[in-house]
């Protein structure tokens, strides 16, 4: 089992040690294996391109850990040169993988600019048995999203707030302020996903969205408030559901 390090001032030509850290998750993903740990050092990790992460999986006894370094705050965001281009650089982080453990990370300020269609700062497809703990997700143009055949994921003690799409889904303002949730587990065919002890507020659409979910989602001890407004105001915006359920007849939802 190996430990690798990323730093805002790192370089992907380095060795990945604490004294010679890499810069990007993409670089770490070329070598990481079950049981390994990737630590992100404190500071702002501003990426120029989408972090497209595939083909790396942990196991039940040896998860791959992607953690903020203890005692430091690692913020993941876009750089000033990041241009949203569908199919090239769209989501800030897109991942497909099983038995991953993401913890103590701030994913923020992936804000929409004029002309940009909306994409998530942190999106997962076909990913199962993952843990997301103490993720601080805010001021992005779309929700954190889990989709596809994704099962048995735990989202615990996370915050989702001030996410908004001021220029709408087309970047031209057609449906402005109408689509950014806090957390989505929708268009998902998996089951056994759990949202526990999480909070969602001042997202311009919904807090927690499990629309079109064909499996079972347990939402336990969560708070959702002030959604459906432009962040920081009480000017109405999107739907404003605290927890959105539906719409397929096969959906099963337990709420506590």
Protein backbone atom coordinates (compact mmCIF):
# COMPACT_ATOMS: atom_id res chain seq x y z
CA UNK A 1 0.00 0.00 0.00
CA UNK A 2 1.37 3.36 -1.05
CA UNK A 3 0.76 6.99 -0.12
CA UNK A 4 0.88 9.79 -2.66
CA UNK A 5 0.70 13.56 -2.23
CA UNK A 6 -0.78 16.40 -4.27
CA UNK A 7 -0.08 20.07 -3.72
CA UNK A 8 -1.30 23.32 -5.33
CA UNK A 9 2.36 24.01 -6.10
CA UNK A 10 3.17 20.45 -7.14
CA UNK A 11 4.25 19.18 -10.53
CA UNK A 12 3.17 16.01 -12.28
CA UNK A 13 6.81 15.39 -13.21
CA UNK A 14 7.66 14.99 -9.51
CA UNK A 15 7.79 11.69 -7.64
CA UNK A 16 4.53 12.09 -5.70
CA UNK A 17 6.16 12.01 -2.26
CA UNK A 18 5.40 14.51 0.49
CA UNK A 19 8.57 16.42 -0.39
CA UNK A 20 8.01 16.16 -4.15
CA UNK A 21 4.23 16.21 -4.68
CA UNK A 22 2.22 15.95 -7.85
CA UNK A 23 -0.33 18.54 -8.91
CA UNK A 24 -3.32 16.68 -10.37
CA UNK A 25 -5.65 13.83 -9.51
CA UNK A 26 -5.27 12.65 -13.10
CA UNK A 27 -1.59 11.97 -12.45
CA UNK A 28 -2.27 10.13 -9.21
CA UNK A 29 -4.91 8.03 -10.98
CA UNK A 30 -2.30 6.60 -13.31
CA UNK A 31 -0.69 4.67 -10.45
CA UNK A 32 -3.11 4.41 -7.50
CA UNK A 33 -4.31 0.93 -6.51
CA UNK A 34 -6.50 -0.73 -3.88
CA UNK A 35 -5.42 0.24 -0.37
CA UNK A 36 -3.49 3.34 -1.45
CA UNK A 37 -4.00 6.85 -0.09
CA UNK A 38 -3.85 10.16 -1.98
CA UNK A 39 -3.41 13.18 0.31
CA UNK A 40 -4.23 16.66 -0.95
CA UNK A 41 -2.19 19.25 0.92
CA UNK A 42 -3.76 22.50 2.08
CA UNK A 43 -4.39 25.38 -0.28
CA UNK A 44 -6.28 25.92 -3.53
CA UNK A 45 -5.92 23.18 -6.14
CA UNK A 46 -6.96 25.09 -9.27
CA UNK A 47 -7.22 22.75 -12.23
CA UNK A 48 -6.84 23.78 -15.86
CA UNK A 49 -8.69 20.70 -17.16
CA UNK A 50 -11.32 18.20 -16.09
CA UNK A 51 -10.05 15.52 -13.74
CA UNK A 52 -11.30 12.45 -15.63
CA UNK A 53 -10.85 9.46 -13.35
CA UNK A 54 -11.61 5.90 -14.47
CA UNK A 55 -10.42 2.29 -14.26
CA UNK A 56 -9.17 2.41 -10.66
CA UNK A 57 -11.02 0.51 -7.94
CA UNK A 58 -10.43 -0.40 -4.34
CA UNK A 59 -11.78 -3.52 -2.67
CA UNK A 60 -14.06 -4.11 0.31
CA UNK A 61 -11.09 -4.37 2.66
CA UNK A 62 -8.81 -1.90 0.90
CA UNK A 63 -10.52 1.26 -0.27
CA UNK A 64 -8.68 3.87 -2.28
CA UNK A 65 -8.57 6.98 -0.06
CA UNK A 66 -8.59 10.49 -1.47
CA UNK A 67 -8.30 12.68 1.60
CA UNK A 68 -7.46 16.19 2.57
CA UNK A 69 -4.23 16.17 4.53
CA UNK A 70 -4.95 16.16 8.29
CA UNK A 71 -5.10 19.63 9.81
CA UNK A 72 -5.11 21.39 6.42
CA UNK A 73 -7.88 22.61 4.11
CA UNK A 74 -7.65 21.42 0.51
CA UNK A 75 -9.88 23.41 -1.86
CA UNK A 76 -10.50 22.05 -5.36
CA UNK A 77 -11.65 24.56 -7.99
CA UNK A 78 -11.15 25.74 -11.57
CA UNK A 79 -8.24 27.84 -12.70
CA UNK A 80 -8.71 31.10 -14.55
CA UNK A 81 -7.94 29.33 -17.81
CA UNK A 82 -10.48 26.50 -17.38
CA UNK A 83 -12.96 26.65 -20.26
CA UNK A 84 -16.10 24.52 -19.99
CA UNK A 85 -16.29 22.49 -23.22
CA UNK A 86 -18.82 19.61 -23.34
CA UNK A 87 -17.08 16.32 -24.06
CA UNK A 88 -13.65 17.76 -23.28
CA UNK A 89 -13.56 19.85 -20.09
CA UNK A 90 -17.02 19.81 -18.61
CA UNK A 91 -17.30 18.51 -15.03
CA UNK A 92 -14.48 19.66 -12.79
CA UNK A 93 -14.10 16.08 -11.50
CA UNK A 94 -15.74 13.11 -13.22
CA UNK A 95 -15.15 9.66 -11.77
CA UNK A 96 -16.20 6.06 -12.32
CA UNK A 97 -14.88 3.73 -9.64
CA UNK A 98 -15.79 1.39 -6.80
CA UNK A 99 -14.64 1.29 -3.19
CA UNK A 100 -13.34 4.85 -3.12
CA UNK A 101 -13.25 6.97 0.03
CA UNK A 102 -13.31 10.75 -0.46
CA UNK A 103 -12.92 12.75 2.74
CA UNK A 104 -12.20 16.24 4.13
CA UNK A 105 -12.26 18.11 0.83
CA UNK A 106 -13.72 21.47 -0.15
CA UNK A 107 -15.00 21.53 -3.73
CA UNK A 108 -15.98 25.07 -4.52
CA UNK A 109 -16.29 28.04 -6.85
CA UNK A 110 -16.82 26.12 -10.07
CA UNK A 111 -19.09 29.02 -10.93
CA UNK A 112 -20.94 29.40 -14.20
CA UNK A 113 -19.71 31.98 -16.68
CA UNK A 114 -21.67 33.48 -19.55
CA UNK A 115 -22.14 30.99 -22.38
CA UNK A 116 -21.28 27.91 -20.33
CA UNK A 117 -23.70 25.02 -20.09
CA UNK A 118 -24.01 23.66 -16.55
CA UNK A 119 -21.83 20.82 -15.31
CA UNK A 120 -21.07 19.41 -11.91
CA UNK A 121 -17.90 20.09 -9.97
CA UNK A 122 -18.03 16.52 -8.59
CA UNK A 123 -19.89 13.84 -10.60
CA UNK A 124 -19.89 10.06 -10.39
CA UNK A 125 -21.25 7.49 -12.80
CA UNK A 126 -21.52 3.72 -12.27
CA UNK A 127 -19.72 3.96 -8.94
CA UNK A 128 -20.55 1.71 -5.98
CA UNK A 129 -19.48 1.07 -2.40
CA UNK A 130 -17.93 4.52 -2.06
CA UNK A 131 -17.76 6.80 0.97
CA UNK A 132 -18.03 10.60 0.81
CA UNK A 133 -17.38 12.10 4.23
CA UNK A 134 -17.04 15.75 5.24
CA UNK A 135 -17.24 17.08 1.70
CA UNK A 136 -17.82 20.86 1.66
CA UNK A 137 -19.50 21.49 -1.71
CA UNK A 138 -20.48 25.06 -2.46
CA UNK A 139 -20.73 27.93 -4.96
CA UNK A 140 -20.74 25.61 -7.97
CA UNK A 141 -22.91 25.78 -11.09
CA UNK A 142 -24.56 22.39 -10.50
CA UNK A 143 -25.01 19.79 -7.79
CA UNK A 144 -22.73 17.03 -6.67
CA UNK A 145 -24.12 14.15 -8.71
CA UNK A 146 -24.21 10.34 -8.52
CA UNK A 147 -25.82 8.59 -11.49
CA UNK A 148 -26.00 5.34 -13.41
CA UNK A 149 -25.59 1.89 -11.87
CA UNK A 150 -24.33 3.25 -8.54
CA UNK A 151 -25.14 1.30 -5.37
CA UNK A 152 -24.31 1.22 -1.67
CA UNK A 153 -22.68 4.62 -1.48
CA UNK A 154 -22.56 6.55 1.79
CA UNK A 155 -22.67 10.36 1.79
CA UNK A 156 -22.09 11.42 5.39
CA UNK A 157 -21.63 14.69 7.27
CA UNK A 158 -21.39 16.77 4.10
CA UNK A 159 -22.53 20.31 3.30
CA UNK A 160 -24.07 21.47 0.02
CA UNK A 161 -24.82 25.17 -0.32
CA UNK A 162 -24.98 28.26 -2.54
CA UNK A 163 -24.95 26.30 -5.78
CA UNK A 164 -26.55 28.22 -8.65
CA UNK A 165 -26.80 28.52 -12.43
CA UNK A 166 -27.30 32.26 -13.10
CA UNK A 167 -27.10 31.79 -16.89
CA UNK A 168 -29.33 28.71 -17.11
CA UNK A 169 -28.72 25.32 -18.65
CA UNK A 170 -27.79 26.82 -22.03
CA UNK A 171 -25.52 29.57 -20.71
CA UNK A 172 -27.73 32.20 -22.30
CA UNK A 173 -30.16 32.69 -19.43
CA UNK A 174 -33.14 30.84 -20.91
CA UNK A 175 -33.92 29.05 -17.62
CA UNK A 176 -31.64 30.99 -15.30
CA UNK A 177 -31.48 30.16 -11.59
CA UNK A 178 -33.56 27.01 -12.11
CA UNK A 179 -31.32 23.94 -12.05
CA UNK A 180 -28.62 23.84 -9.39
CA UNK A 181 -29.29 21.47 -6.49
CA UNK A 182 -27.14 20.59 -3.51
CA UNK A 183 -26.84 16.84 -4.03
CA UNK A 184 -28.37 14.64 -6.73
CA UNK A 185 -28.68 10.88 -6.76
CA UNK A 186 -30.96 10.76 -9.76
CA UNK A 187 -31.31 8.91 -13.03
CA UNK A 188 -29.76 6.13 -10.96
CA UNK A 189 -30.51 2.41 -11.27
CA UNK A 190 -28.51 1.40 -8.19
CA UNK A 191 -29.80 0.72 -4.70
CA UNK A 192 -28.74 0.99 -1.08
CA UNK A 193 -27.43 4.56 -1.25
CA UNK A 194 -27.45 6.50 2.04
CA UNK A 195 -27.39 10.24 2.74
CA UNK A 196 -26.70 10.67 6.45
CA UNK A 197 -26.18 13.72 8.68
CA UNK A 198 -25.90 16.11 5.74
CA UNK A 199 -27.05 19.68 5.23
CA UNK A 200 -28.25 21.54 2.11
CA UNK A 201 -29.19 25.22 1.98
CA UNK A 202 -29.49 28.20 -0.33
CA UNK A 203 -29.18 26.12 -3.48
CA UNK A 204 -31.16 27.82 -6.23
CA UNK A 205 -33.19 24.68 -7.04
CA UNK A 206 -33.49 21.74 -4.60
CA UNK A 207 -31.55 20.60 -1.56
CA UNK A 208 -31.45 16.82 -2.03
CA UNK A 209 -32.75 15.50 -5.37
CA UNK A 210 -33.50 11.80 -5.92
CA UNK A 211 -35.74 12.32 -8.93
CA UNK A 212 -35.94 9.36 -11.35
CA UNK A 213 -34.18 7.03 -8.95
CA UNK A 214 -35.04 3.37 -9.53
CA UNK A 215 -33.37 2.04 -6.41
CA UNK A 216 -33.64 2.87 -2.72
CA UNK A 217 -32.16 5.96 -1.06
CA UNK A 218 -32.14 6.34 2.71
CA UNK A 219 -32.08 9.97 3.84
CA UNK A 220 -31.26 10.03 7.53
CA UNK A 221 -30.91 12.95 9.96
CA UNK A 222 -30.46 15.57 7.24
CA UNK A 223 -31.35 19.26 7.16
CA UNK A 224 -32.52 21.07 4.03
CA UNK A 225 -33.63 24.69 4.11
CA UNK A 226 -33.70 27.99 2.16
CA UNK A 227 -33.56 26.18 -1.18
CA UNK A 228 -35.27 27.59 -4.27
CA UNK A 229 -33.85 31.10 -3.78
CA UNK A 230 -30.98 32.98 -5.28
CA UNK A 231 -28.21 32.25 -2.77
CA UNK A 232 -28.03 34.68 0.10
CA UNK A 233 -31.46 36.18 -0.69
CA UNK A 234 -35.12 35.33 -0.56
CA UNK A 235 -35.66 36.06 -4.24
CA UNK A 236 -37.35 32.98 -5.69
CA UNK A 237 -35.47 30.87 -8.20
CA UNK A 238 -36.00 27.14 -8.88
CA UNK A 239 -38.36 24.51 -7.43
CA UNK A 240 -37.14 24.81 -3.86
CA UNK A 241 -37.86 21.26 -2.73
CA UNK A 242 -35.96 20.39 0.42
CA UNK A 243 -35.99 16.73 -0.65
CA UNK A 244 -37.29 15.98 -4.14
CA UNK A 245 -38.77 12.52 -4.66
CA UNK A 246 -40.21 10.76 -7.70
CA UNK A 247 -41.14 10.42 -10.39
CA UNK A 248 -40.88 6.81 -11.56
CA UNK A 249 -43.24 4.22 -10.08
CA UNK A 250 -40.31 1.95 -9.25
CA UNK A 251 -38.77 4.41 -6.80
CA UNK A 252 -38.47 3.38 -3.15
CA UNK A 253 -37.55 6.04 -0.61
CA UNK A 254 -37.01 5.75 3.13
CA UNK A 255 -36.80 9.08 4.96
CA UNK A 256 -35.95 9.49 8.61
